[in-house]
Amino acid sequence: MGEYSKRIGEVGENVVVDFLKLIGWENPLRNDDIDSIDKDFRKRTNGIDGYYHYLNPMVSGTIENILYSSKYSTESI
């Protein structure tokens, strides 16, 4: 069951990356860990599905940092 869930999760992540490409966000950082601020609480790192950054064309000199998480299921609603 774990391998199946992993494959389904990867499909969902690819759906998100394909969508991001449609809006011009190419090559996001995927499946990385970021250090936890409070290393004594629960975990030392936190997993992220994706990260993207870009220069904001609306606000001069501003870099936008986007962290995202994707969820995907084979079940229909």
C-alpha atoms as a PDB file:
ATOM      1  CA  MET A   1       0.000   0.000   0.000  1.00  0.00           C
ATOM      2  CA  GLY A   2       2.879   2.394   0.767  1.00  0.00           C
ATOM      3  CA  GLU A   3       4.377   2.140  -2.717  1.00  0.00           C
ATOM      4  CA  TYR A   4       0.957   2.725  -4.284  1.00  0.00           C
ATOM      5  CA  SER A   5       0.418   5.842  -2.147  1.00  0.00           C
ATOM      6  CA  LYS A   6       3.872   7.097  -3.077  1.00  0.00           C
ATOM      7  CA  ARG A   7       3.150   6.667  -6.806  1.00  0.00           C
ATOM      8  CA  ILE A   8      -0.206   8.438  -6.484  1.00  0.00           C
ATOM      9  CA  GLY A   9       1.493  11.287  -4.609  1.00  0.00           C
ATOM     10  CA  GLU A  10       4.074  11.622  -7.379  1.00  0.00           C
ATOM     11  CA  VAL A  11       1.275  11.810  -9.973  1.00  0.00           C
ATOM     12  CA  GLY A  12      -0.287  14.655  -7.976  1.00  0.00           C
ATOM     13  CA  GLU A  13       3.025  16.493  -7.763  1.00  0.00           C
ATOM     14  CA  ASN A  14       3.443  16.191 -11.533  1.00  0.00           C
ATOM     15  CA  VAL A  15      -0.051  17.628 -12.054  1.00  0.00           C
ATOM     16  CA  VAL A  16       0.962  20.664  -9.983  1.00  0.00           C
ATOM     17  CA  VAL A  17       4.256  21.089 -11.886  1.00  0.00           C
ATOM     18  CA  ASP A  18       2.397  20.887 -15.223  1.00  0.00           C
ATOM     19  CA  PHE A  19      -0.023  23.580 -14.022  1.00  0.00           C
ATOM     20  CA  LEU A  20       2.834  25.804 -12.859  1.00  0.00           C
ATOM     21  CA  LYS A  21       4.446  25.488 -16.301  1.00  0.00           C
ATOM     22  CA  LEU A  22       1.195  26.750 -17.842  1.00  0.00           C
ATOM     23  CA  ILE A  23       1.475  29.967 -15.825  1.00  0.00           C
ATOM     24  CA  GLY A  24       5.189  30.394 -16.581  1.00  0.00           C
ATOM     25  CA  TRP A  25       6.748  28.996 -13.413  1.00  0.00           C
ATOM     26  CA  GLU A  26       9.479  26.689 -14.715  1.00  0.00           C
ATOM     27  CA  ASN A  27      11.600  24.243 -12.705  1.00  0.00           C
ATOM     28  CA  PRO A  28      10.416  24.588  -9.094  1.00  0.00           C
ATOM     29  CA  LEU A  29      12.562  22.980  -6.406  1.00  0.00           C
ATOM     30  CA  ARG A  30      10.793  19.714  -5.567  1.00  0.00           C
ATOM     31  CA  ASN A  31      10.738  17.275  -2.637  1.00  0.00           C
ATOM     32  CA  ASP A  32      13.219  19.014  -0.410  1.00  0.00           C
ATOM     33  CA  ASP A  33      13.610  19.398   3.339  1.00  0.00           C
ATOM     34  CA  ILE A  34      13.934  22.679   5.171  1.00  0.00           C
ATOM     35  CA  ASP A  35      15.465  22.958   8.621  1.00  0.00           C
ATOM     36  CA  SER A  36      13.058  23.293  11.504  1.00  0.00           C
ATOM     37  CA  ILE A  37      13.313  26.428  13.628  1.00  0.00           C
ATOM     38  CA  ASP A  38      12.626  24.491  16.851  1.00  0.00           C
ATOM     39  CA  LYS A  39      14.840  21.413  16.517  1.00  0.00           C
ATOM     40  CA  ASP A  40      13.768  20.064  19.935  1.00  0.00           C
ATOM     41  CA  PHE A  41      10.093  19.930  18.911  1.00  0.00           C
ATOM     42  CA  ARG A  42       9.027  16.858  16.888  1.00  0.00           C
ATOM     43  CA  LYS A  43      11.307  16.992  13.855  1.00  0.00           C
ATOM     44  CA  ARG A  44      14.592  18.502  12.783  1.00  0.00           C
ATOM     45  CA  THR A  45      13.406  19.063   9.206  1.00  0.00           C
ATOM     46  CA  ASN A  46      10.135  19.637   7.412  1.00  0.00           C
ATOM     47  CA  GLY A  47       9.460  18.184   3.992  1.00  0.00           C
ATOM     48  CA  ILE A  48       8.057  20.416   1.273  1.00  0.00           C
ATOM     49  CA  ASP A  49       6.531  19.329  -2.021  1.00  0.00           C
ATOM     50  CA  GLY A  50       7.761  22.375  -3.850  1.00  0.00           C
ATOM     51  CA  TYR A  51       9.359  25.802  -3.689  1.00  0.00           C
ATOM     52  CA  TYR A  52       9.456  28.547  -6.297  1.00  0.00           C
ATOM     53  CA  HIS A  53      10.722  32.125  -6.197  1.00  0.00           C
ATOM     54  CA  TYR A  54      10.512  35.001  -8.652  1.00  0.00           C
ATOM     55  CA  LEU A  55      10.974  38.757  -8.930  1.00  0.00           C
ATOM     56  CA  ASN A  56       7.610  40.431  -8.498  1.00  0.00           C
ATOM     57  CA  PRO A  57       6.955  42.608 -11.575  1.00  0.00           C
ATOM     58  CA  MET A  58       4.324  44.636  -9.696  1.00  0.00           C
ATOM     59  CA  VAL A  59       6.511  45.654  -6.729  1.00  0.00           C
ATOM     60  CA  SER A  60      10.036  46.755  -7.656  1.00  0.00           C
ATOM     61  CA  GLY A  61      12.855  44.862  -5.977  1.00  0.00           C
ATOM     62  CA  THR A  62      10.579  42.291  -4.303  1.00  0.00           C
ATOM     63  CA  ILE A  63      11.264  38.568  -4.400  1.00  0.00           C
ATOM     64  CA  GLU A  64       8.254  36.325  -3.829  1.00  0.00           C
ATOM     65  CA  ASN A  65       8.912  32.961  -2.143  1.00  0.00           C
ATOM     66  CA  ILE A  66       6.272  30.288  -2.671  1.00  0.00           C
ATOM     67  CA  LEU A  67       6.127  27.023  -0.707  1.00  0.00           C
ATOM     68  CA  TYR A  68       3.451  24.587  -1.816  1.00  0.00           C
ATOM     69  CA  SER A  69       2.043  21.244  -0.803  1.00  0.00           C
ATOM     70  CA  SER A  70       0.089  19.012  -3.153  1.00  0.00           C
ATOM     71  CA  LYS A  71      -2.466  16.336  -2.307  1.00  0.00           C
ATOM     72  CA  TYR A  72      -3.864  13.895  -4.837  1.00  0.00           C
ATOM     73  CA  SER A  73      -6.299  11.010  -4.642  1.00  0.00           C
ATOM     74  CA  THR A  74      -7.594   8.433  -7.089  1.00  0.00           C
ATOM     75  CA  GLU A  75     -11.004   8.569  -5.404  1.00  0.00           C
ATOM     76  CA  SER A  76     -13.697  10.698  -6.994  1.00  0.00           C
ATOM     77  CA  ILE A  77     -15.954  12.900  -4.914  1.00  0.00           C
END
